[in-house]
Structures are given as structure tokens and as C-alpha cells.
Amino acid sequence: MGSSLQHTSECFHQATKITSAIAAGTNVEIASSSANGRRIYGIAVFNDNNSIQPIRVFLVNGGEAHVAFTISAALGAGTNGSTSAEDMFGDDNAAPLMRKQLDANGNAYFNLPAGWSIEIEYYVALSARTTIHVFGENY
């Protein structure tokens, strides 16, 4: 079996703030499409709402959205000083998809092909705001 190592060119970070002004059921882009493929190492959710927020995650190609998984962001995740930010990579529902590949250092990543993006959707209206950070490297 052959294998090859594809080197990355630079790091990227994209932060998206979602407020109560965005209606429930609206898709929000958290990782925009790029002309280059991306190696995503993490997606962190900071939930400043007063309830647990179920979030549906989509992989999008050319406007066609595919449901990838659903997670729940804990009440006050990463914002109230007692609950850590929700790590999508560590979530049991996301890990089978997001942690399939390992880099040369043994770190799990998700390979987002060129032209693809990631969107999320909330089931219920937010009472405050949620911030999502996506970070990794470009090919």
C-alpha cells in the first residue's frame, strides 16, 4: 500500500459569532469554502446562552448541504468559568467523522476539500450568543 505526505502551507482560524437575531433553523457558515483544501484540527463552541443548545452540523458542497452530525453545546460552555468550551472533535457524535485521519505527529484532523464549507443550524432560538472557532491549516 502506498502513502504520501501532503504538506500544508499556512494556518487558518475562522471565528463566527451567532446572536439571538439569527432565527432558529437558519444555516450559518462557520468554515467558509476555499480554493485550497483545509486540514481542520479543531472546532470549539462557546455557548453564552441560558440553556443547552443542540446544534446540527452540515458539510456543504456547491450549495448542497449534507447533515454530518448533531451535538449539544452545554449551558455556558467556555463562558461561565465552570464549563469548558464544547470541543466538536471530542464529541462522541462527531469523532467518527472528524478524527479519521492523523497527521505526521499523530494529531487527528478532518480534511475539508477545496470548495467545501461547514455550516451549523440551531433548533431553538438563542437567548444570548454563541461563538464558534474553527482552526487548522491550508494545503
N, C-alpha and C. Protein backbone atom coordinates (compact mmCIF):
# COMPACT_ATOMS: atom_id res chain seq x y z
N MET A 1 0.85 -1.17 0.00
CA MET A 1 0.00 0.00 0.00
C MET A 1 0.89 1.23 0.00
N GLY A 2 0.66 2.14 -0.90
CA GLY A 2 1.44 3.37 -0.98
C GLY A 2 0.84 4.46 -0.12
N SER A 3 1.67 5.38 0.27
CA SER A 3 1.19 6.53 1.03
C SER A 3 2.05 7.73 0.69
N SER A 4 1.51 8.90 0.90
CA SER A 4 2.27 10.11 0.65
C SER A 4 1.91 11.13 1.71
N LEU A 5 2.80 12.08 1.91
CA LEU A 5 2.59 13.13 2.88
C LEU A 5 2.30 14.42 2.14
N GLN A 6 1.15 15.02 2.41
CA GLN A 6 0.80 16.28 1.77
C GLN A 6 1.08 17.40 2.77
N HIS A 7 1.98 18.29 2.40
CA HIS A 7 2.36 19.38 3.29
C HIS A 7 1.35 20.51 3.26
N THR A 8 1.21 21.18 4.39
CA THR A 8 0.32 22.35 4.47
C THR A 8 1.14 23.62 4.27
N SER A 9 0.45 24.71 3.94
CA SER A 9 1.16 25.95 3.61
C SER A 9 1.06 27.01 4.70
N GLU A 10 -0.05 27.06 5.43
CA GLU A 10 -0.22 28.08 6.45
C GLU A 10 -1.39 27.73 7.36
N CYS A 11 -1.43 28.36 8.52
CA CYS A 11 -2.51 28.14 9.47
C CYS A 11 -3.70 29.03 9.13
N PHE A 12 -4.89 28.62 9.57
CA PHE A 12 -6.06 29.50 9.44
C PHE A 12 -6.89 29.40 10.71
N HIS A 13 -7.67 30.43 10.94
CA HIS A 13 -8.60 30.49 12.07
C HIS A 13 -9.81 31.29 11.61
N GLN A 14 -10.99 30.77 11.85
CA GLN A 14 -12.20 31.49 11.50
C GLN A 14 -13.12 31.47 12.71
N ALA A 15 -13.53 32.64 13.17
CA ALA A 15 -14.45 32.75 14.30
C ALA A 15 -15.78 33.31 13.81
N THR A 16 -16.86 32.72 14.28
CA THR A 16 -18.20 33.15 13.89
C THR A 16 -19.02 33.41 15.15
N LYS A 17 -19.61 34.58 15.25
CA LYS A 17 -20.47 34.94 16.38
C LYS A 17 -21.92 34.84 15.91
N ILE A 18 -22.72 34.08 16.64
CA ILE A 18 -24.12 33.88 16.30
C ILE A 18 -24.95 34.46 17.44
N THR A 19 -25.87 35.34 17.13
CA THR A 19 -26.66 36.01 18.15
C THR A 19 -28.13 35.63 18.05
N SER A 20 -28.90 36.12 19.00
CA SER A 20 -30.33 35.83 19.02
C SER A 20 -31.07 36.46 17.84
N ALA A 21 -30.41 37.36 17.10
CA ALA A 21 -31.03 37.97 15.92
C ALA A 21 -31.15 36.98 14.77
N ILE A 22 -30.40 35.88 14.83
CA ILE A 22 -30.48 34.85 13.79
C ILE A 22 -31.54 33.83 14.20
N ALA A 23 -32.54 33.65 13.36
CA ALA A 23 -33.67 32.77 13.68
C ALA A 23 -33.25 31.31 13.76
N ALA A 24 -33.90 30.57 14.64
CA ALA A 24 -33.69 29.13 14.72
C ALA A 24 -34.00 28.51 13.37
N GLY A 25 -33.26 27.50 12.99
CA GLY A 25 -33.47 26.84 11.71
C GLY A 25 -32.71 27.48 10.56
N THR A 26 -31.93 28.53 10.84
CA THR A 26 -31.13 29.20 9.83
C THR A 26 -29.73 28.60 9.80
N ASN A 27 -29.26 28.24 8.61
CA ASN A 27 -27.89 27.73 8.50
C ASN A 27 -26.90 28.89 8.55
N VAL A 28 -25.83 28.72 9.33
CA VAL A 28 -24.80 29.74 9.49
C VAL A 28 -23.46 29.10 9.14
N GLU A 29 -22.72 29.74 8.25
CA GLU A 29 -21.42 29.22 7.83
C GLU A 29 -20.37 29.48 8.91
N ILE A 30 -19.67 28.41 9.33
CA ILE A 30 -18.62 28.56 10.34
C ILE A 30 -17.23 28.32 9.76
N ALA A 31 -17.14 27.67 8.61
CA ALA A 31 -15.87 27.50 7.89
C ALA A 31 -16.17 27.72 6.42
N SER A 32 -15.71 28.83 5.90
CA SER A 32 -16.02 29.18 4.51
C SER A 32 -15.28 28.28 3.53
N SER A 33 -15.81 28.22 2.31
CA SER A 33 -15.15 27.43 1.28
C SER A 33 -13.87 28.14 0.87
N SER A 34 -12.94 27.38 0.34
CA SER A 34 -11.64 27.93 -0.04
C SER A 34 -11.20 27.26 -1.34
N ALA A 35 -10.34 27.95 -2.07
CA ALA A 35 -9.78 27.37 -3.30
C ALA A 35 -8.82 26.23 -2.96
N ASN A 36 -8.34 26.21 -1.73
CA ASN A 36 -7.45 25.14 -1.27
C ASN A 36 -8.17 24.23 -0.29
N GLY A 37 -7.73 23.00 -0.21
CA GLY A 37 -8.24 22.10 0.81
C GLY A 37 -7.76 22.57 2.18
N ARG A 38 -8.45 22.14 3.23
CA ARG A 38 -8.08 22.53 4.58
C ARG A 38 -7.98 21.31 5.47
N ARG A 39 -7.05 21.37 6.39
CA ARG A 39 -6.89 20.36 7.43
C ARG A 39 -7.39 21.00 8.71
N ILE A 40 -8.56 20.59 9.18
CA ILE A 40 -9.17 21.19 10.36
C ILE A 40 -8.78 20.37 11.59
N TYR A 41 -8.16 21.05 12.55
CA TYR A 41 -7.72 20.40 13.77
C TYR A 41 -8.70 20.57 14.92
N GLY A 42 -9.56 21.55 14.84
CA GLY A 42 -10.49 21.73 15.95
C GLY A 42 -11.62 22.68 15.63
N ILE A 43 -12.75 22.45 16.29
CA ILE A 43 -13.91 23.33 16.24
C ILE A 43 -14.39 23.46 17.69
N ALA A 44 -14.30 24.67 18.22
CA ALA A 44 -14.68 24.92 19.62
C ALA A 44 -15.92 25.79 19.65
N VAL A 45 -16.88 25.41 20.51
CA VAL A 45 -18.14 26.13 20.65
C VAL A 45 -18.20 26.77 22.03
N PHE A 46 -18.39 28.09 22.06
CA PHE A 46 -18.55 28.84 23.30
C PHE A 46 -20.01 29.27 23.36
N ASN A 47 -20.76 28.73 24.32
CA ASN A 47 -22.21 28.94 24.40
C ASN A 47 -22.55 29.84 25.59
N ASP A 48 -22.96 31.07 25.31
CA ASP A 48 -23.29 32.04 26.35
C ASP A 48 -24.79 32.08 26.63
N ASN A 49 -25.52 31.09 26.16
CA ASN A 49 -26.97 31.05 26.34
C ASN A 49 -27.32 30.43 27.69
N ASN A 50 -28.58 30.57 28.08
CA ASN A 50 -29.01 30.05 29.38
C ASN A 50 -29.62 28.66 29.27
N SER A 51 -29.25 27.93 28.22
CA SER A 51 -29.74 26.56 28.06
C SER A 51 -28.77 25.77 27.20
N ILE A 52 -28.93 24.46 27.23
CA ILE A 52 -28.15 23.59 26.35
C ILE A 52 -28.63 23.83 24.93
N GLN A 53 -27.70 23.95 23.99
CA GLN A 53 -28.06 24.24 22.61
C GLN A 53 -27.74 23.05 21.71
N PRO A 54 -28.76 22.35 21.20
CA PRO A 54 -28.50 21.31 20.20
C PRO A 54 -28.13 21.98 18.87
N ILE A 55 -27.07 21.48 18.25
CA ILE A 55 -26.55 22.08 17.02
C ILE A 55 -26.42 20.98 15.96
N ARG A 56 -26.97 21.23 14.78
CA ARG A 56 -26.82 20.32 13.65
C ARG A 56 -25.69 20.87 12.77
N VAL A 57 -24.76 19.99 12.37
CA VAL A 57 -23.59 20.40 11.59
C VAL A 57 -23.72 19.83 10.18
N PHE A 58 -23.48 20.69 9.18
CA PHE A 58 -23.58 20.32 7.77
C PHE A 58 -22.25 20.48 7.06
N LEU A 59 -21.94 19.58 6.15
CA LEU A 59 -20.87 19.75 5.18
C LEU A 59 -21.53 20.19 3.90
N VAL A 60 -21.02 21.28 3.31
CA VAL A 60 -21.70 21.90 2.17
C VAL A 60 -20.77 21.92 0.96
N ASN A 61 -21.29 21.45 -0.18
CA ASN A 61 -20.53 21.46 -1.43
C ASN A 61 -21.42 22.07 -2.51
N GLY A 62 -21.02 23.23 -3.02
CA GLY A 62 -21.78 23.87 -4.09
C GLY A 62 -23.21 24.16 -3.72
N GLY A 63 -23.46 24.53 -2.47
CA GLY A 63 -24.81 24.85 -2.03
C GLY A 63 -25.62 23.66 -1.57
N GLU A 64 -25.11 22.46 -1.78
CA GLU A 64 -25.82 21.26 -1.33
C GLU A 64 -25.32 20.85 0.04
N ALA A 65 -26.19 20.93 1.05
CA ALA A 65 -25.83 20.65 2.44
C ALA A 65 -26.10 19.19 2.79
N HIS A 66 -25.13 18.58 3.45
CA HIS A 66 -25.23 17.19 3.90
C HIS A 66 -25.10 17.17 5.41
N VAL A 67 -26.08 16.61 6.12
CA VAL A 67 -26.01 16.54 7.58
C VAL A 67 -24.86 15.62 7.96
N ALA A 68 -23.93 16.15 8.79
CA ALA A 68 -22.77 15.37 9.21
C ALA A 68 -23.01 14.75 10.59
N PHE A 69 -23.48 15.54 11.54
CA PHE A 69 -23.75 15.05 12.89
C PHE A 69 -24.48 16.13 13.68
N THR A 70 -24.94 15.78 14.86
CA THR A 70 -25.59 16.72 15.77
C THR A 70 -24.88 16.65 17.11
N ILE A 71 -24.64 17.80 17.72
CA ILE A 71 -24.04 17.85 19.06
C ILE A 71 -24.90 18.74 19.94
N SER A 72 -24.59 18.74 21.23
CA SER A 72 -25.23 19.65 22.18
C SER A 72 -24.16 20.46 22.87
N ALA A 73 -24.28 21.78 22.80
CA ALA A 73 -23.36 22.68 23.50
C ALA A 73 -23.91 22.94 24.89
N ALA A 74 -23.13 22.63 25.90
CA ALA A 74 -23.57 22.76 27.29
C ALA A 74 -23.89 24.21 27.65
N LEU A 75 -24.75 24.37 28.63
CA LEU A 75 -25.09 25.67 29.17
C LEU A 75 -23.82 26.39 29.62
N GLY A 76 -23.56 27.58 29.08
CA GLY A 76 -22.40 28.37 29.48
C GLY A 76 -21.06 27.82 29.05
N ALA A 77 -21.03 26.92 28.09
CA ALA A 77 -19.77 26.28 27.67
C ALA A 77 -18.72 27.33 27.32
N GLY A 78 -17.60 27.31 28.02
CA GLY A 78 -16.49 28.19 27.74
C GLY A 78 -16.68 29.63 28.14
N THR A 79 -17.83 29.98 28.72
CA THR A 79 -18.09 31.39 29.01
C THR A 79 -18.43 31.67 30.47
N ASN A 80 -18.80 30.65 31.24
CA ASN A 80 -19.23 30.92 32.61
C ASN A 80 -18.17 30.59 33.66
N GLY A 81 -16.99 30.18 33.23
CA GLY A 81 -15.91 29.88 34.16
C GLY A 81 -15.95 28.51 34.80
N SER A 82 -17.03 27.77 34.60
CA SER A 82 -17.10 26.44 35.21
C SER A 82 -17.27 25.31 34.19
N THR A 83 -17.70 25.63 33.00
CA THR A 83 -17.89 24.63 31.95
C THR A 83 -16.95 24.93 30.79
N SER A 84 -16.15 23.94 30.39
CA SER A 84 -15.21 24.19 29.29
C SER A 84 -15.95 24.32 27.97
N ALA A 85 -15.28 24.95 27.01
CA ALA A 85 -15.87 25.08 25.67
C ALA A 85 -16.17 23.69 25.12
N GLU A 86 -17.19 23.59 24.30
CA GLU A 86 -17.55 22.31 23.67
C GLU A 86 -16.59 22.04 22.52
N ASP A 87 -15.93 20.91 22.55
CA ASP A 87 -14.99 20.51 21.51
C ASP A 87 -15.70 19.55 20.57
N MET A 88 -16.02 19.99 19.36
CA MET A 88 -16.72 19.12 18.42
C MET A 88 -15.92 17.87 18.10
N PHE A 89 -14.59 17.97 18.07
CA PHE A 89 -13.78 16.80 17.75
C PHE A 89 -13.90 15.74 18.83
N GLY A 90 -14.06 16.17 20.07
CA GLY A 90 -14.14 15.22 21.18
C GLY A 90 -15.52 14.67 21.43
N ASP A 91 -16.53 15.24 20.80
CA ASP A 91 -17.90 14.78 20.98
C ASP A 91 -18.09 13.40 20.37
N ASP A 92 -18.78 12.52 21.07
CA ASP A 92 -18.99 11.14 20.60
C ASP A 92 -19.69 11.07 19.25
N ASN A 93 -20.57 12.04 18.95
CA ASN A 93 -21.28 12.03 17.67
C ASN A 93 -20.42 12.49 16.52
N ALA A 94 -19.42 13.34 16.79
CA ALA A 94 -18.59 13.91 15.73
C ALA A 94 -17.30 13.13 15.49
N ALA A 95 -16.75 12.53 16.52
CA ALA A 95 -15.44 11.89 16.43
C ALA A 95 -15.31 10.87 15.29
N PRO A 96 -16.31 10.02 15.03
CA PRO A 96 -16.14 9.05 13.94
C PRO A 96 -15.90 9.69 12.57
N LEU A 97 -16.39 10.89 12.35
CA LEU A 97 -16.19 11.60 11.09
C LEU A 97 -14.97 12.51 11.15
N MET A 98 -14.83 13.26 12.24
CA MET A 98 -13.82 14.30 12.33
C MET A 98 -12.42 13.79 12.67
N ARG A 99 -12.30 12.64 13.27
CA ARG A 99 -10.99 12.18 13.75
C ARG A 99 -10.46 10.96 13.01
N LYS A 100 -10.81 10.80 11.75
CA LYS A 100 -10.41 9.62 10.99
C LYS A 100 -8.96 9.66 10.52
N GLN A 101 -8.40 10.84 10.31
CA GLN A 101 -7.05 10.95 9.78
C GLN A 101 -6.11 11.50 10.83
N LEU A 102 -4.84 11.10 10.76
CA LEU A 102 -3.81 11.58 11.67
C LEU A 102 -2.69 12.21 10.87
N ASP A 103 -2.16 13.33 11.39
CA ASP A 103 -1.03 13.96 10.71
C ASP A 103 0.27 13.26 11.11
N ALA A 104 1.40 13.75 10.64
CA ALA A 104 2.70 13.11 10.91
C ALA A 104 3.04 13.09 12.39
N ASN A 105 2.42 13.96 13.18
CA ASN A 105 2.65 14.00 14.63
C ASN A 105 1.62 13.19 15.42
N GLY A 106 0.70 12.55 14.73
CA GLY A 106 -0.32 11.74 15.40
C GLY A 106 -1.54 12.52 15.83
N ASN A 107 -1.69 13.77 15.39
CA ASN A 107 -2.85 14.58 15.74
C ASN A 107 -4.00 14.33 14.77
N ALA A 108 -5.18 14.12 15.31
CA ALA A 108 -6.35 13.87 14.48
C ALA A 108 -6.79 15.16 13.78
N TYR A 109 -7.26 15.00 12.53
CA TYR A 109 -7.77 16.15 11.79
C TYR A 109 -8.86 15.70 10.84
N PHE A 110 -9.61 16.71 10.33
CA PHE A 110 -10.63 16.47 9.32
C PHE A 110 -10.19 17.16 8.04
N ASN A 111 -10.20 16.46 6.93
CA ASN A 111 -9.79 17.00 5.64
C ASN A 111 -11.02 17.59 4.95
N LEU A 112 -11.07 18.94 4.88
CA LEU A 112 -12.17 19.63 4.20
C LEU A 112 -11.69 19.97 2.79
N PRO A 113 -12.25 19.31 1.77
CA PRO A 113 -11.79 19.53 0.40
C PRO A 113 -12.01 20.95 -0.09
N ALA A 114 -11.25 21.36 -1.08
CA ALA A 114 -11.41 22.67 -1.71
C ALA A 114 -12.85 22.82 -2.19
N GLY A 115 -13.42 24.00 -1.98
CA GLY A 115 -14.79 24.27 -2.41
C GLY A 115 -15.87 23.87 -1.42
N TRP A 116 -15.52 23.12 -0.39
CA TRP A 116 -16.49 22.71 0.63
C TRP A 116 -16.46 23.69 1.79
N SER A 117 -17.57 23.80 2.50
CA SER A 117 -17.66 24.63 3.70
C SER A 117 -18.39 23.85 4.79
N ILE A 118 -18.41 24.43 5.99
CA ILE A 118 -19.13 23.82 7.12
C ILE A 118 -20.13 24.84 7.62
N GLU A 119 -21.36 24.39 7.83
CA GLU A 119 -22.43 25.23 8.37
C GLU A 119 -23.03 24.55 9.59
N ILE A 120 -23.65 25.36 10.44
CA ILE A 120 -24.39 24.82 11.57
C ILE A 120 -25.80 25.39 11.57
N GLU A 121 -26.68 24.71 12.30
CA GLU A 121 -28.07 25.16 12.44
C GLU A 121 -28.51 24.91 13.88
N TYR A 122 -29.15 25.90 14.49
CA TYR A 122 -29.73 25.73 15.82
C TYR A 122 -31.18 25.31 15.69
N TYR A 123 -31.64 24.46 16.60
CA TYR A 123 -33.03 24.01 16.60
C TYR A 123 -33.94 25.03 17.27
N VAL A 124 -33.41 25.72 18.29
CA VAL A 124 -34.21 26.67 19.06
C VAL A 124 -33.54 28.04 19.01
N ALA A 125 -34.32 29.08 19.22
CA ALA A 125 -33.78 30.44 19.20
C ALA A 125 -32.79 30.63 20.34
N LEU A 126 -31.74 31.39 20.09
CA LEU A 126 -30.73 31.68 21.11
C LEU A 126 -31.23 32.79 22.02
N SER A 127 -30.83 32.74 23.28
CA SER A 127 -31.18 33.81 24.22
C SER A 127 -30.04 34.80 24.35
N ALA A 128 -28.85 34.41 23.92
CA ALA A 128 -27.68 35.29 24.00
C ALA A 128 -26.86 35.08 22.74
N ARG A 129 -25.58 34.70 22.89
CA ARG A 129 -24.76 34.47 21.69
C ARG A 129 -23.94 33.20 21.86
N THR A 130 -23.54 32.68 20.72
CA THR A 130 -22.64 31.54 20.65
C THR A 130 -21.51 31.94 19.72
N THR A 131 -20.29 31.60 20.09
CA THR A 131 -19.14 31.87 19.24
C THR A 131 -18.49 30.54 18.90
N ILE A 132 -18.18 30.35 17.64
CA ILE A 132 -17.56 29.10 17.19
C ILE A 132 -16.23 29.41 16.52
N HIS A 133 -15.19 28.72 16.95
CA HIS A 133 -13.85 28.88 16.40
C HIS A 133 -13.47 27.62 15.64
N VAL A 134 -13.06 27.79 14.38
CA VAL A 134 -12.58 26.69 13.54
C VAL A 134 -11.12 27.01 13.22
N PHE A 135 -10.24 26.03 13.43
CA PHE A 135 -8.82 26.30 13.20
C PHE A 135 -8.13 25.09 12.60
N GLY A 136 -7.08 25.37 11.85
CA GLY A 136 -6.33 24.31 11.21
C GLY A 136 -5.28 24.87 10.27
N GLU A 137 -5.04 24.16 9.17
CA GLU A 137 -4.03 24.55 8.20
C GLU A 137 -4.59 24.43 6.79
N ASN A 138 -4.07 25.26 5.88
CA ASN A 138 -4.42 25.19 4.47
C ASN A 138 -3.41 24.32 3.75
N TYR A 139 -3.85 23.64 2.68
CA TYR A 139 -2.93 22.88 1.85
C TYR A 139 -2.30 23.80 0.84
